[in-house]
Amino acid sequence: MNVISTIWGVVVLLLTILALFPFLGWANWFILVLAVIGVIIGAFGKQKTGLILNGIAIVIASIRLIIGGGII
């Protein structure tokens, strides 16, 4: 489960970086869903690397949505 969650976290973080560009802010909603799934998968592993990566993606996507007006 650790490997899956870590790979999942890296992919989600790459998508998060892509979603920081203007006009791609809508992708943050999709990223939040993927990151929450990654957190759930990462919670079952012994190491917390994937959990942390997905948590960082959730924080970045949430801040971007707050700045863009997507979350009040």
Protein backbone atom coordinates (compact mmCIF):
# COMPACT_ATOMS: atom_id res chain seq x y z
CA MET A 1 0.00 0.00 0.00
CA ASN A 2 2.93 2.35 0.63
CA VAL A 3 4.21 2.15 -2.92
CA ILE A 4 0.75 2.71 -4.40
CA SER A 5 0.11 5.71 -2.15
CA THR A 6 3.54 7.22 -2.84
CA ILE A 7 3.16 6.89 -6.61
CA TRP A 8 -0.39 8.21 -6.33
CA GLY A 9 0.91 11.18 -4.30
CA VAL A 10 3.63 12.03 -6.82
CA VAL A 11 1.12 11.96 -9.69
CA VAL A 12 -1.35 14.11 -7.76
CA LEU A 13 1.39 16.61 -6.87
CA LEU A 14 2.38 16.86 -10.55
CA LEU A 15 -1.26 17.49 -11.44
CA THR A 16 -1.43 20.09 -8.68
CA ILE A 17 1.52 21.95 -10.17
CA LEU A 18 -0.19 21.86 -13.55
CA ALA A 19 -3.42 23.20 -12.03
CA LEU A 20 -1.60 26.28 -10.68
CA PHE A 21 -1.60 27.78 -14.18
CA PRO A 22 -4.35 30.28 -14.97
CA PHE A 23 -7.60 28.86 -16.40
CA LEU A 24 -6.84 25.42 -14.97
CA GLY A 25 -8.14 26.14 -11.47
CA TRP A 26 -11.16 23.90 -12.05
CA ALA A 27 -8.79 20.93 -12.01
CA ASN A 28 -8.21 21.49 -8.28
CA TRP A 29 -11.63 20.00 -7.52
CA PHE A 30 -10.58 16.82 -9.32
CA ILE A 31 -7.20 16.88 -7.56
CA LEU A 32 -8.86 17.15 -4.15
CA VAL A 33 -10.84 13.98 -4.81
CA LEU A 34 -7.74 12.11 -6.00
CA ALA A 35 -5.70 13.31 -3.03
CA VAL A 36 -8.36 12.22 -0.53
CA ILE A 37 -8.36 8.77 -2.12
CA GLY A 38 -4.55 8.78 -1.79
CA VAL A 39 -4.80 9.74 1.88
CA ILE A 40 -7.19 6.86 2.49
CA ILE A 41 -4.84 4.43 0.75
CA GLY A 42 -1.82 5.88 2.60
CA ALA A 43 -3.51 5.52 5.98
CA PHE A 44 -3.25 1.72 5.72
CA GLY A 45 0.52 1.64 5.22
CA LYS A 46 3.25 1.58 7.84
CA GLN A 47 5.27 4.41 6.32
CA LYS A 48 3.55 7.76 5.94
CA THR A 49 5.28 9.06 2.81
CA GLY A 50 2.25 8.72 0.55
CA LEU A 51 -0.02 10.11 3.24
CA ILE A 52 2.17 13.21 3.55
CA LEU A 53 2.45 13.73 -0.23
CA ASN A 54 -1.30 13.54 -0.66
CA GLY A 55 -1.81 15.81 2.35
CA ILE A 56 0.47 18.42 0.78
CA ALA A 57 -1.52 18.18 -2.45
CA ILE A 58 -4.76 18.74 -0.50
CA VAL A 59 -3.33 21.83 1.19
CA ILE A 60 -2.00 23.33 -2.07
CA ALA A 61 -5.21 22.64 -4.00
CA SER A 62 -7.35 24.05 -1.17
CA ILE A 63 -5.29 27.24 -0.97
CA ARG A 64 -5.52 27.65 -4.74
CA LEU A 65 -9.30 27.22 -4.60
CA ILE A 66 -9.59 29.73 -1.75
CA ILE A 67 -7.52 32.29 -3.67
CA GLY A 68 -9.52 31.70 -6.84
CA GLY A 69 -12.88 31.93 -5.07
CA GLY A 70 -13.79 28.27 -5.47
CA ILE A 71 -14.15 27.70 -1.73
CA ILE A 72 -15.68 30.36 0.47
